[in-house]
Amino acid sequence: MSQSDQERKRITVEIYNRSYTVIGKEESHHIRMVSNLVDQKMREIHEANPTLDTSKLAVLTAVNTMNEYIKLKEECTELMNYIEKLEEKEES
């Protein structure tokens, strides 16, 4: 077994009443936190759209999550650019 295989962890989590085995290098508490956030988002979307089947609910959850991710990434980029400009002003 290679060292990278040894670093990988198997964690069983429950998302929207189904069990999933997640394999990754992250700590188990991180994987559980991510899984809980996905579960919460799916339940939130289900409350607003109770007729959605699980597949559509999962896709909407992914779309909503990616939208939030892109917005945060853009905000981070803007903040980093702002910090760089401040540092350039301080140097001159």
N, C-alpha and C. Protein backbone atom coordinates (compact mmCIF):
# COMPACT_ATOMS: atom_id res chain seq x y z
N MET A 1 0.84 -1.18 0.00
CA MET A 1 0.00 0.00 0.00
C MET A 1 0.89 1.24 0.00
N SER A 2 0.64 2.17 -0.91
CA SER A 2 1.48 3.36 -0.99
C SER A 2 1.18 4.31 0.16
N GLN A 3 2.09 5.25 0.39
CA GLN A 3 1.91 6.19 1.49
C GLN A 3 0.69 7.07 1.25
N SER A 4 0.42 7.44 -0.01
CA SER A 4 -0.75 8.28 -0.28
C SER A 4 -2.04 7.54 0.02
N ASP A 5 -2.06 6.20 -0.19
CA ASP A 5 -3.23 5.41 0.16
C ASP A 5 -3.41 5.37 1.68
N GLN A 6 -2.30 5.34 2.41
CA GLN A 6 -2.37 5.29 3.86
C GLN A 6 -2.88 6.61 4.44
N GLU A 7 -2.63 7.73 3.77
CA GLU A 7 -3.06 9.03 4.25
C GLU A 7 -4.56 9.24 4.06
N ARG A 8 -5.15 8.50 3.14
CA ARG A 8 -6.58 8.67 2.86
C ARG A 8 -7.42 8.04 3.96
N LYS A 9 -8.51 8.74 4.27
CA LYS A 9 -9.39 8.26 5.34
C LYS A 9 -10.76 7.92 4.75
N ARG A 10 -11.40 6.93 5.34
CA ARG A 10 -12.76 6.56 4.96
C ARG A 10 -13.70 6.99 6.09
N ILE A 11 -14.68 7.79 5.74
CA ILE A 11 -15.65 8.28 6.71
C ILE A 11 -17.04 8.02 6.14
N THR A 12 -17.91 7.45 6.95
CA THR A 12 -19.30 7.28 6.54
C THR A 12 -20.11 8.43 7.12
N VAL A 13 -20.83 9.12 6.25
CA VAL A 13 -21.63 10.26 6.65
C VAL A 13 -23.07 10.06 6.17
N GLU A 14 -23.96 10.82 6.75
CA GLU A 14 -25.35 10.77 6.31
C GLU A 14 -25.73 12.13 5.74
N ILE A 15 -26.23 12.10 4.52
CA ILE A 15 -26.69 13.32 3.85
C ILE A 15 -28.09 13.04 3.33
N TYR A 16 -29.03 13.82 3.78
CA TYR A 16 -30.42 13.72 3.34
C TYR A 16 -30.93 12.28 3.46
N ASN A 17 -30.72 11.73 4.65
CA ASN A 17 -31.20 10.39 5.02
C ASN A 17 -30.57 9.24 4.24
N ARG A 18 -29.41 9.46 3.66
CA ARG A 18 -28.70 8.38 2.96
C ARG A 18 -27.25 8.37 3.45
N SER A 19 -26.70 7.17 3.56
CA SER A 19 -25.30 7.03 3.99
C SER A 19 -24.38 7.04 2.79
N TYR A 20 -23.25 7.72 2.95
CA TYR A 20 -22.22 7.80 1.91
C TYR A 20 -20.87 7.56 2.57
N THR A 21 -20.00 6.86 1.87
CA THR A 21 -18.63 6.70 2.33
C THR A 21 -17.78 7.69 1.55
N VAL A 22 -17.14 8.58 2.29
CA VAL A 22 -16.30 9.61 1.69
C VAL A 22 -14.85 9.21 1.95
N ILE A 23 -14.04 9.23 0.90
CA ILE A 23 -12.63 8.89 1.02
C ILE A 23 -11.82 10.14 0.69
N GLY A 24 -10.96 10.54 1.60
CA GLY A 24 -10.16 11.73 1.36
C GLY A 24 -9.04 11.87 2.35
N LYS A 25 -8.23 12.87 2.15
CA LYS A 25 -7.08 13.13 3.02
C LYS A 25 -7.42 14.08 4.16
N GLU A 26 -8.58 14.72 4.09
CA GLU A 26 -8.97 15.66 5.12
C GLU A 26 -9.28 14.94 6.43
N GLU A 27 -9.21 15.70 7.50
CA GLU A 27 -9.54 15.14 8.81
C GLU A 27 -11.03 14.80 8.86
N SER A 28 -11.37 13.82 9.67
CA SER A 28 -12.75 13.35 9.73
C SER A 28 -13.71 14.46 10.16
N HIS A 29 -13.29 15.34 11.07
CA HIS A 29 -14.17 16.43 11.50
C HIS A 29 -14.47 17.38 10.33
N HIS A 30 -13.51 17.57 9.45
CA HIS A 30 -13.73 18.43 8.28
C HIS A 30 -14.74 17.78 7.33
N ILE A 31 -14.58 16.50 7.07
CA ILE A 31 -15.49 15.79 6.17
C ILE A 31 -16.90 15.81 6.76
N ARG A 32 -17.01 15.61 8.05
CA ARG A 32 -18.34 15.65 8.70
C ARG A 32 -18.95 17.04 8.62
N MET A 33 -18.15 18.08 8.79
CA MET A 33 -18.66 19.44 8.71
C MET A 33 -19.18 19.73 7.30
N VAL A 34 -18.41 19.35 6.29
CA VAL A 34 -18.83 19.56 4.90
C VAL A 34 -20.12 18.79 4.62
N SER A 35 -20.18 17.56 5.08
CA SER A 35 -21.37 16.74 4.87
C SER A 35 -22.59 17.35 5.55
N ASN A 36 -22.39 17.86 6.76
CA ASN A 36 -23.50 18.51 7.47
C ASN A 36 -23.99 19.75 6.72
N LEU A 37 -23.07 20.51 6.16
CA LEU A 37 -23.47 21.69 5.39
C LEU A 37 -24.26 21.31 4.14
N VAL A 38 -23.84 20.24 3.47
CA VAL A 38 -24.58 19.76 2.30
C VAL A 38 -25.97 19.32 2.72
N ASP A 39 -26.05 18.58 3.80
CA ASP A 39 -27.34 18.11 4.31
C ASP A 39 -28.26 19.30 4.64
N GLN A 40 -27.72 20.30 5.32
CA GLN A 40 -28.50 21.49 5.67
C GLN A 40 -29.01 22.20 4.43
N LYS A 41 -28.14 22.35 3.43
CA LYS A 41 -28.53 23.05 2.20
C LYS A 41 -29.63 22.28 1.48
N MET A 42 -29.50 20.94 1.42
CA MET A 42 -30.53 20.13 0.76
C MET A 42 -31.86 20.28 1.49
N ARG A 43 -31.83 20.28 2.80
CA ARG A 43 -33.08 20.42 3.57
C ARG A 43 -33.69 21.81 3.39
N GLU A 44 -32.84 22.82 3.33
CA GLU A 44 -33.30 24.19 3.11
C GLU A 44 -33.99 24.31 1.75
N ILE A 45 -33.38 23.76 0.72
CA ILE A 45 -33.96 23.82 -0.62
C ILE A 45 -35.24 22.98 -0.68
N HIS A 46 -35.24 21.83 0.01
CA HIS A 46 -36.43 20.98 0.04
C HIS A 46 -37.62 21.72 0.67
N GLU A 47 -37.35 22.49 1.72
CA GLU A 47 -38.43 23.25 2.36
C GLU A 47 -39.08 24.22 1.38
N ALA A 48 -38.27 24.84 0.52
CA ALA A 48 -38.80 25.79 -0.46
C ALA A 48 -39.40 25.09 -1.68
N ASN A 49 -38.98 23.85 -1.94
CA ASN A 49 -39.43 23.10 -3.11
C ASN A 49 -39.74 21.65 -2.73
N PRO A 50 -40.81 21.41 -1.97
CA PRO A 50 -41.06 20.07 -1.43
C PRO A 50 -41.38 19.00 -2.47
N THR A 51 -41.68 19.38 -3.70
CA THR A 51 -42.03 18.38 -4.71
C THR A 51 -40.82 17.84 -5.48
N LEU A 52 -39.64 18.40 -5.24
CA LEU A 52 -38.45 17.95 -5.97
C LEU A 52 -38.05 16.54 -5.57
N ASP A 53 -37.67 15.73 -6.56
CA ASP A 53 -37.12 14.42 -6.24
C ASP A 53 -35.66 14.62 -5.80
N THR A 54 -35.08 13.58 -5.25
CA THR A 54 -33.74 13.68 -4.67
C THR A 54 -32.69 14.08 -5.69
N SER A 55 -32.79 13.59 -6.92
CA SER A 55 -31.80 13.94 -7.95
C SER A 55 -31.84 15.43 -8.27
N LYS A 56 -33.04 15.95 -8.47
CA LYS A 56 -33.16 17.39 -8.77
C LYS A 56 -32.74 18.21 -7.57
N LEU A 57 -33.08 17.75 -6.39
CA LEU A 57 -32.68 18.44 -5.17
C LEU A 57 -31.16 18.50 -5.05
N ALA A 58 -30.50 17.39 -5.38
CA ALA A 58 -29.03 17.35 -5.32
C ALA A 58 -28.41 18.30 -6.33
N VAL A 59 -28.97 18.36 -7.54
CA VAL A 59 -28.43 19.27 -8.56
C VAL A 59 -28.64 20.72 -8.14
N LEU A 60 -29.82 21.05 -7.63
CA LEU A 60 -30.05 22.42 -7.17
C LEU A 60 -29.13 22.78 -6.00
N THR A 61 -28.88 21.83 -5.14
CA THR A 61 -27.95 22.06 -4.04
C THR A 61 -26.55 22.36 -4.58
N ALA A 62 -26.12 21.58 -5.57
CA ALA A 62 -24.80 21.81 -6.18
C ALA A 62 -24.74 23.18 -6.85
N VAL A 63 -25.78 23.54 -7.58
CA VAL A 63 -25.81 24.84 -8.27
C VAL A 63 -25.77 25.98 -7.25
N ASN A 64 -26.59 25.89 -6.21
CA ASN A 64 -26.59 26.93 -5.19
C ASN A 64 -25.25 27.04 -4.48
N THR A 65 -24.67 25.90 -4.17
CA THR A 65 -23.38 25.89 -3.48
C THR A 65 -22.28 26.46 -4.35
N MET A 66 -22.28 26.10 -5.63
CA MET A 66 -21.25 26.63 -6.54
C MET A 66 -21.44 28.13 -6.72
N ASN A 67 -22.68 28.60 -6.78
CA ASN A 67 -22.94 30.03 -6.88
C ASN A 67 -22.36 30.76 -5.67
N GLU A 68 -22.59 30.24 -4.47
CA GLU A 68 -22.03 30.84 -3.27
C GLU A 68 -20.51 30.82 -3.30
N TYR A 69 -19.94 29.72 -3.76
CA TYR A 69 -18.48 29.58 -3.85
C TYR A 69 -17.89 30.64 -4.78
N ILE A 70 -18.51 30.80 -5.95
CA ILE A 70 -17.99 31.77 -6.93
C ILE A 70 -18.07 33.18 -6.37
N LYS A 71 -19.18 33.52 -5.71
CA LYS A 71 -19.31 34.85 -5.12
C LYS A 71 -18.22 35.08 -4.07
N LEU A 72 -17.99 34.08 -3.21
CA LEU A 72 -16.95 34.23 -2.19
C LEU A 72 -15.56 34.33 -2.81
N LYS A 73 -15.33 33.57 -3.87
CA LYS A 73 -14.03 33.62 -4.55
C LYS A 73 -13.80 35.01 -5.15
N GLU A 74 -14.85 35.58 -5.76
CA GLU A 74 -14.75 36.93 -6.33
C GLU A 74 -14.49 37.96 -5.25
N GLU A 75 -15.19 37.83 -4.10
CA GLU A 75 -14.96 38.74 -2.98
C GLU A 75 -13.53 38.63 -2.47
N CYS A 76 -13.03 37.42 -2.39
CA CYS A 76 -11.66 37.20 -1.93
C CYS A 76 -10.66 37.85 -2.88
N THR A 77 -10.89 37.68 -4.17
CA THR A 77 -10.01 38.30 -5.18
C THR A 77 -10.03 39.82 -5.05
N GLU A 78 -11.21 40.38 -4.88
CA GLU A 78 -11.33 41.83 -4.71
C GLU A 78 -10.58 42.30 -3.47
N LEU A 79 -10.73 41.57 -2.38
CA LEU A 79 -10.02 41.93 -1.15
C LEU A 79 -8.51 41.81 -1.31
N MET A 80 -8.05 40.76 -1.98
CA MET A 80 -6.61 40.60 -2.20
C MET A 80 -6.07 41.74 -3.07
N ASN A 81 -6.82 42.12 -4.09
CA ASN A 81 -6.40 43.25 -4.94
C ASN A 81 -6.35 44.53 -4.13
N TYR A 82 -7.32 44.74 -3.27
CA TYR A 82 -7.36 45.93 -2.42
C TYR A 82 -6.15 45.96 -1.49
N ILE A 83 -5.84 44.82 -0.89
CA ILE A 83 -4.68 44.72 0.01
C ILE A 83 -3.39 45.02 -0.75
N GLU A 84 -3.26 44.47 -1.96
CA GLU A 84 -2.07 44.73 -2.77
C GLU A 84 -1.92 46.21 -3.06
N LYS A 85 -3.02 46.88 -3.38
CA LYS A 85 -2.97 48.32 -3.67
C LYS A 85 -2.57 49.11 -2.42
N LEU A 86 -3.09 48.71 -1.28
CA LEU A 86 -2.71 49.38 -0.03
C LEU A 86 -1.22 49.19 0.25
N GLU A 87 -0.73 47.96 0.03
CA GLU A 87 0.69 47.71 0.27
C GLU A 87 1.56 48.51 -0.70
N GLU A 88 1.12 48.63 -1.96
CA GLU A 88 1.88 49.42 -2.93
C GLU A 88 1.94 50.88 -2.52
N LYS A 89 0.83 51.41 -1.98
CA LYS A 89 0.80 52.81 -1.51
C LYS A 89 1.75 53.00 -0.35
N GLU A 90 1.80 52.02 0.55
CA GLU A 90 2.68 52.11 1.71
C GLU A 90 4.15 52.10 1.30
N GLU A 91 4.47 51.36 0.25
CA GLU A 91 5.86 51.25 -0.22
C GLU A 91 6.33 52.50 -0.94
N SER A 92 5.41 53.25 -1.51
CA SER A 92 5.83 54.43 -2.28
C SER A 92 5.85 55.69 -1.46
